[in-house]
Amino acid sequence: KLIYGSSGLAPDLAGPAHPALLLTNGRYAIDMMTMGRAGTADLWAAIEMGAMAPQVRDRRMVFFVSMQWFLSYRNPGKEFPGVFSEGAYQAFMTNPYISTELKGWITDRMAEYGIDRR
């Protein structure tokens, strides 16, 4: 399973409550990869999910929404360029299961956040 979210999924911050620690050791027959990032995790995760989806057999993914994303102090124009991955973006854009409309929306939002690939 791919599990995405905010900084609560960063291993150094979550401690024993981290899903990878709770669900490992074969107790639940789940293989997982957890990825957490603060700041602009919503756009970052959308791109990463689209990039990774063709590579995984079970396309069901978990996405934890953080209330931090809705707070006014966020500065995605400052934060997003530091987490942007050109390779993930290209893989996202070549994923045939993602609509042209969604690809356009993501690309436009990236431009608002300081990475213009239009």
N, C-alpha and C. Protein backbone atom coordinates (compact mmCIF):
# COMPACT_ATOMS: atom_id res chain seq x y z
N LYS A 1 0.84 -1.18 0.00
CA LYS A 1 0.00 0.00 0.00
C LYS A 1 0.88 1.24 0.00
N LEU A 2 0.43 2.24 -0.69
CA LEU A 2 1.09 3.53 -0.64
C LEU A 2 0.29 4.41 0.31
N ILE A 3 0.95 4.98 1.29
CA ILE A 3 0.30 5.82 2.28
C ILE A 3 0.97 7.19 2.23
N TYR A 4 0.18 8.21 1.91
CA TYR A 4 0.67 9.57 1.78
C TYR A 4 0.02 10.46 2.84
N GLY A 5 0.69 11.52 3.18
CA GLY A 5 0.12 12.47 4.12
C GLY A 5 1.06 13.60 4.39
N SER A 6 0.85 14.23 5.52
CA SER A 6 1.66 15.40 5.87
C SER A 6 2.81 14.99 6.78
N SER A 7 3.33 15.94 7.50
CA SER A 7 4.51 15.69 8.32
C SER A 7 4.26 14.64 9.40
N GLY A 8 3.01 14.35 9.72
CA GLY A 8 2.72 13.29 10.69
C GLY A 8 3.20 11.93 10.23
N LEU A 9 3.45 11.77 8.93
CA LEU A 9 3.98 10.51 8.41
C LEU A 9 5.50 10.53 8.27
N ALA A 10 6.11 11.65 8.59
CA ALA A 10 7.57 11.68 8.56
C ALA A 10 8.07 10.82 9.72
N PRO A 11 8.91 9.82 9.47
CA PRO A 11 9.30 8.88 10.51
C PRO A 11 9.91 9.52 11.75
N ASP A 12 10.66 10.58 11.56
CA ASP A 12 11.32 11.19 12.72
C ASP A 12 10.35 11.93 13.62
N LEU A 13 9.16 12.27 13.13
CA LEU A 13 8.20 13.01 13.93
C LEU A 13 7.13 12.13 14.57
N ALA A 14 6.77 11.03 13.92
CA ALA A 14 5.62 10.26 14.35
C ALA A 14 5.91 9.30 15.50
N GLY A 15 7.12 8.83 15.61
CA GLY A 15 7.47 7.90 16.69
C GLY A 15 6.69 6.59 16.58
N PRO A 16 6.32 5.99 17.72
CA PRO A 16 5.69 4.67 17.69
C PRO A 16 4.30 4.66 17.05
N ALA A 17 3.69 5.82 16.83
CA ALA A 17 2.38 5.87 16.19
C ALA A 17 2.47 5.85 14.67
N HIS A 18 3.67 5.85 14.13
CA HIS A 18 3.86 5.86 12.68
C HIS A 18 3.25 4.58 12.08
N PRO A 19 2.42 4.70 11.03
CA PRO A 19 1.79 3.51 10.44
C PRO A 19 2.78 2.43 10.04
N ALA A 20 3.95 2.81 9.57
CA ALA A 20 4.93 1.80 9.18
C ALA A 20 5.38 0.98 10.38
N LEU A 21 5.43 1.59 11.56
CA LEU A 21 5.81 0.85 12.76
C LEU A 21 4.65 0.01 13.30
N LEU A 22 3.45 0.54 13.19
CA LEU A 22 2.28 -0.17 13.69
C LEU A 22 1.93 -1.40 12.86
N LEU A 23 2.14 -1.31 11.55
CA LEU A 23 1.65 -2.35 10.65
C LEU A 23 2.74 -3.24 10.07
N THR A 24 3.95 -3.15 10.55
CA THR A 24 5.03 -3.97 10.01
C THR A 24 5.17 -5.28 10.79
N ASN A 25 6.23 -5.97 10.54
CA ASN A 25 6.57 -7.25 11.17
C ASN A 25 5.63 -8.38 10.77
N GLY A 26 4.94 -8.22 9.63
CA GLY A 26 4.10 -9.29 9.11
C GLY A 26 2.83 -9.55 9.86
N ARG A 27 2.48 -8.71 10.79
CA ARG A 27 1.28 -8.95 11.59
C ARG A 27 -0.01 -8.82 10.80
N TYR A 28 0.01 -8.01 9.75
CA TYR A 28 -1.22 -7.75 9.01
C TYR A 28 -1.12 -8.08 7.53
N ALA A 29 -0.06 -8.72 7.10
CA ALA A 29 0.15 -9.11 5.70
C ALA A 29 0.03 -7.91 4.77
N ILE A 30 0.60 -6.78 5.18
CA ILE A 30 0.55 -5.57 4.38
C ILE A 30 1.98 -5.12 4.10
N ASP A 31 2.28 -4.89 2.85
CA ASP A 31 3.52 -4.22 2.48
C ASP A 31 3.17 -2.77 2.22
N MET A 32 3.91 -1.86 2.79
CA MET A 32 3.55 -0.46 2.60
C MET A 32 4.77 0.41 2.41
N MET A 33 4.49 1.55 1.81
CA MET A 33 5.48 2.60 1.71
C MET A 33 4.78 3.87 2.19
N THR A 34 5.30 4.48 3.23
CA THR A 34 4.69 5.70 3.76
C THR A 34 5.55 6.89 3.38
N MET A 35 4.87 7.97 3.00
CA MET A 35 5.57 9.20 2.64
C MET A 35 4.83 10.37 3.24
N GLY A 36 5.51 11.16 4.02
CA GLY A 36 4.90 12.34 4.60
C GLY A 36 5.78 13.55 4.39
N ARG A 37 5.12 14.67 4.19
CA ARG A 37 5.85 15.90 3.92
C ARG A 37 5.02 17.07 4.42
N ALA A 38 5.68 18.01 5.04
CA ALA A 38 4.98 19.21 5.50
C ALA A 38 4.84 20.20 4.35
N GLY A 39 4.08 21.23 4.58
CA GLY A 39 3.97 22.31 3.59
C GLY A 39 2.97 22.01 2.50
N THR A 40 3.44 21.82 1.29
CA THR A 40 2.55 21.65 0.14
C THR A 40 2.35 20.19 -0.18
N ALA A 41 2.11 19.39 0.82
CA ALA A 41 1.98 17.94 0.64
C ALA A 41 0.81 17.57 -0.24
N ASP A 42 -0.23 18.37 -0.30
CA ASP A 42 -1.38 18.03 -1.11
C ASP A 42 -1.01 17.94 -2.59
N LEU A 43 -0.37 18.95 -3.12
CA LEU A 43 0.03 18.94 -4.53
C LEU A 43 1.17 17.96 -4.76
N TRP A 44 2.11 17.93 -3.86
CA TRP A 44 3.23 16.98 -3.96
C TRP A 44 2.70 15.55 -4.02
N ALA A 45 1.77 15.19 -3.13
CA ALA A 45 1.25 13.83 -3.09
C ALA A 45 0.43 13.50 -4.33
N ALA A 46 -0.32 14.45 -4.85
CA ALA A 46 -1.10 14.19 -6.07
C ALA A 46 -0.16 13.80 -7.22
N ILE A 47 0.93 14.51 -7.35
CA ILE A 47 1.90 14.20 -8.41
C ILE A 47 2.56 12.85 -8.15
N GLU A 48 2.99 12.63 -6.92
CA GLU A 48 3.64 11.36 -6.57
C GLU A 48 2.70 10.17 -6.76
N MET A 49 1.44 10.32 -6.36
CA MET A 49 0.47 9.23 -6.53
C MET A 49 0.29 8.90 -8.00
N GLY A 50 0.14 9.93 -8.82
CA GLY A 50 -0.02 9.70 -10.25
C GLY A 50 1.21 9.10 -10.89
N ALA A 51 2.38 9.45 -10.36
CA ALA A 51 3.63 8.89 -10.88
C ALA A 51 3.80 7.43 -10.49
N MET A 52 3.43 7.09 -9.27
CA MET A 52 3.65 5.73 -8.75
C MET A 52 2.56 4.73 -9.16
N ALA A 53 1.36 5.20 -9.41
CA ALA A 53 0.22 4.30 -9.63
C ALA A 53 0.47 3.21 -10.67
N PRO A 54 1.07 3.51 -11.82
CA PRO A 54 1.27 2.43 -12.80
C PRO A 54 2.25 1.35 -12.34
N GLN A 55 3.03 1.64 -11.30
CA GLN A 55 4.05 0.70 -10.85
C GLN A 55 3.58 -0.25 -9.75
N VAL A 56 2.40 -0.01 -9.20
CA VAL A 56 1.93 -0.84 -8.10
C VAL A 56 0.74 -1.68 -8.54
N ARG A 57 0.67 -2.91 -8.00
CA ARG A 57 -0.44 -3.81 -8.38
C ARG A 57 -1.76 -3.36 -7.78
N ASP A 58 -1.74 -3.05 -6.51
CA ASP A 58 -2.96 -2.62 -5.83
C ASP A 58 -2.99 -1.10 -5.86
N ARG A 59 -3.84 -0.53 -6.69
CA ARG A 59 -3.84 0.92 -6.88
C ARG A 59 -4.61 1.69 -5.82
N ARG A 60 -5.11 0.99 -4.82
CA ARG A 60 -5.76 1.70 -3.72
C ARG A 60 -4.68 2.32 -2.86
N MET A 61 -4.81 3.60 -2.60
CA MET A 61 -3.81 4.32 -1.81
C MET A 61 -4.51 5.02 -0.66
N VAL A 62 -3.75 5.30 0.37
CA VAL A 62 -4.26 6.00 1.55
C VAL A 62 -3.68 7.41 1.51
N PHE A 63 -4.53 8.38 1.80
CA PHE A 63 -4.10 9.77 1.78
C PHE A 63 -4.68 10.47 3.00
N PHE A 64 -3.81 10.82 3.95
CA PHE A 64 -4.24 11.52 5.16
C PHE A 64 -4.23 13.02 4.89
N VAL A 65 -5.37 13.64 5.05
CA VAL A 65 -5.47 15.09 4.86
C VAL A 65 -5.17 15.76 6.20
N SER A 66 -4.32 16.75 6.14
CA SER A 66 -3.93 17.48 7.35
C SER A 66 -4.67 18.81 7.43
N MET A 67 -5.14 19.16 8.61
CA MET A 67 -5.81 20.45 8.75
C MET A 67 -4.85 21.61 8.50
N GLN A 68 -3.55 21.35 8.59
CA GLN A 68 -2.56 22.39 8.33
C GLN A 68 -2.70 22.96 6.92
N TRP A 69 -3.18 22.13 5.97
CA TRP A 69 -3.28 22.58 4.59
C TRP A 69 -4.32 23.67 4.41
N PHE A 70 -5.20 23.81 5.38
CA PHE A 70 -6.29 24.78 5.26
C PHE A 70 -6.03 26.05 6.07
N LEU A 71 -4.87 26.15 6.67
CA LEU A 71 -4.56 27.31 7.50
C LEU A 71 -3.92 28.42 6.66
N SER A 72 -4.11 29.64 7.07
CA SER A 72 -3.72 30.79 6.25
C SER A 72 -2.22 31.05 6.21
N TYR A 73 -1.44 30.50 7.13
CA TYR A 73 -0.01 30.82 7.16
C TYR A 73 0.81 30.03 6.14
N ARG A 74 0.19 29.11 5.42
CA ARG A 74 0.94 28.34 4.42
C ARG A 74 1.52 29.27 3.37
N ASN A 75 2.66 28.89 2.83
CA ASN A 75 3.30 29.67 1.78
C ASN A 75 3.77 28.73 0.67
N PRO A 76 2.82 28.20 -0.13
CA PRO A 76 3.20 27.20 -1.13
C PRO A 76 4.16 27.72 -2.19
N GLY A 77 4.13 29.01 -2.48
CA GLY A 77 5.08 29.56 -3.44
C GLY A 77 6.52 29.46 -2.96
N LYS A 78 6.69 29.44 -1.65
CA LYS A 78 8.02 29.28 -1.07
C LYS A 78 8.35 27.81 -0.86
N GLU A 79 7.36 27.00 -0.45
CA GLU A 79 7.60 25.61 -0.06
C GLU A 79 7.63 24.62 -1.22
N PHE A 80 6.74 24.78 -2.19
CA PHE A 80 6.62 23.77 -3.23
C PHE A 80 7.88 23.60 -4.10
N PRO A 81 8.54 24.66 -4.54
CA PRO A 81 9.74 24.44 -5.36
C PRO A 81 10.79 23.56 -4.70
N GLY A 82 10.85 23.56 -3.39
CA GLY A 82 11.83 22.75 -2.68
C GLY A 82 11.51 21.26 -2.66
N VAL A 83 10.26 20.90 -2.93
CA VAL A 83 9.87 19.48 -2.91
C VAL A 83 9.51 18.96 -4.30
N PHE A 84 9.50 19.84 -5.29
CA PHE A 84 9.12 19.45 -6.65
C PHE A 84 10.12 18.46 -7.24
N SER A 85 9.60 17.43 -7.91
CA SER A 85 10.43 16.44 -8.60
C SER A 85 10.04 16.42 -10.07
N GLU A 86 10.97 16.80 -10.93
CA GLU A 86 10.70 16.79 -12.37
C GLU A 86 10.40 15.37 -12.85
N GLY A 87 11.12 14.38 -12.32
CA GLY A 87 10.88 12.99 -12.72
C GLY A 87 9.49 12.52 -12.35
N ALA A 88 9.05 12.83 -11.13
CA ALA A 88 7.70 12.45 -10.71
C ALA A 88 6.66 13.17 -11.56
N TYR A 89 6.89 14.44 -11.86
CA TYR A 89 5.95 15.18 -12.69
C TYR A 89 5.84 14.57 -14.07
N GLN A 90 6.97 14.20 -14.67
CA GLN A 90 6.93 13.59 -16.01
C GLN A 90 6.21 12.24 -15.97
N ALA A 91 6.45 11.45 -14.93
CA ALA A 91 5.75 10.17 -14.79
C ALA A 91 4.25 10.39 -14.60
N PHE A 92 3.89 11.40 -13.82
CA PHE A 92 2.48 11.77 -13.64
C PHE A 92 1.86 12.13 -14.99
N MET A 93 2.55 12.95 -15.76
CA MET A 93 2.00 13.42 -17.05
C MET A 93 1.89 12.31 -18.08
N THR A 94 2.69 11.26 -17.98
CA THR A 94 2.61 10.17 -18.95
C THR A 94 1.69 9.04 -18.49
N ASN A 95 1.11 9.16 -17.30
CA ASN A 95 0.17 8.15 -16.80
C ASN A 95 -1.12 8.24 -17.64
N PRO A 96 -1.43 7.20 -18.42
CA PRO A 96 -2.60 7.27 -19.30
C PRO A 96 -3.94 7.24 -18.56
N TYR A 97 -3.93 6.91 -17.29
CA TYR A 97 -5.18 6.83 -16.52
C TYR A 97 -5.58 8.17 -15.90
N ILE A 98 -4.73 9.16 -16.03
CA ILE A 98 -5.04 10.49 -15.48
C ILE A 98 -5.58 11.35 -16.61
N SER A 99 -6.71 11.98 -16.36
CA SER A 99 -7.37 12.77 -17.40
C SER A 99 -6.54 14.00 -17.78
N THR A 100 -6.73 14.44 -18.99
CA THR A 100 -6.08 15.66 -19.47
C THR A 100 -6.50 16.85 -18.60
N GLU A 101 -7.75 16.85 -18.19
CA GLU A 101 -8.26 17.93 -17.34
C GLU A 101 -7.49 17.99 -16.01
N LEU A 102 -7.30 16.84 -15.37
CA LEU A 102 -6.58 16.81 -14.09
C LEU A 102 -5.11 17.19 -14.30
N LYS A 103 -4.51 16.71 -15.36
CA LYS A 103 -3.12 17.09 -15.65
C LYS A 103 -2.99 18.60 -15.81
N GLY A 104 -3.96 19.20 -16.49
CA GLY A 104 -3.96 20.65 -16.67
C GLY A 104 -4.13 21.39 -15.36
N TRP A 105 -5.03 20.88 -14.50
CA TRP A 105 -5.26 21.51 -13.21
C TRP A 105 -4.00 21.48 -12.36
N ILE A 106 -3.35 20.32 -12.32
CA ILE A 106 -2.12 20.17 -11.53
C ILE A 106 -1.04 21.09 -12.08
N THR A 107 -0.89 21.14 -13.39
CA THR A 107 0.14 21.99 -14.00
C THR A 107 -0.13 23.46 -13.71
N ASP A 108 -1.39 23.88 -13.78
CA ASP A 108 -1.72 25.27 -13.46
C ASP A 108 -1.45 25.59 -12.00
N ARG A 109 -1.78 24.66 -11.10
CA ARG A 109 -1.54 24.90 -9.67
C ARG A 109 -0.04 24.97 -9.40
N MET A 110 0.74 24.12 -10.08
CA MET A 110 2.19 24.18 -9.92
C MET A 110 2.71 25.56 -10.29
N ALA A 111 2.18 26.13 -11.38
CA ALA A 111 2.61 27.46 -11.81
C ALA A 111 2.31 28.50 -10.73
N GLU A 112 1.15 28.37 -10.08
CA GLU A 112 0.82 29.28 -8.98
C GLU A 112 1.80 29.13 -7.83
N TYR A 113 2.38 27.94 -7.69
CA TYR A 113 3.29 27.65 -6.60
C TYR A 113 4.76 27.82 -7.00
N GLY A 114 5.01 28.37 -8.17
CA GLY A 114 6.39 28.71 -8.53
C GLY A 114 7.09 27.78 -9.50
N ILE A 115 6.43 26.73 -9.99
CA ILE A 115 7.03 25.83 -10.97
C ILE A 115 6.14 25.83 -12.21
N ASP A 116 6.56 26.55 -13.24
CA ASP A 116 5.70 26.73 -14.42
C ASP A 116 6.16 25.76 -15.53
N ARG A 117 5.33 24.78 -15.83
CA ARG A 117 5.60 23.82 -16.90
C ARG A 117 4.52 23.88 -17.97
N ARG A 118 3.80 25.02 -18.03
CA ARG A 118 2.74 25.15 -19.03
C ARG A 118 3.33 25.40 -20.39
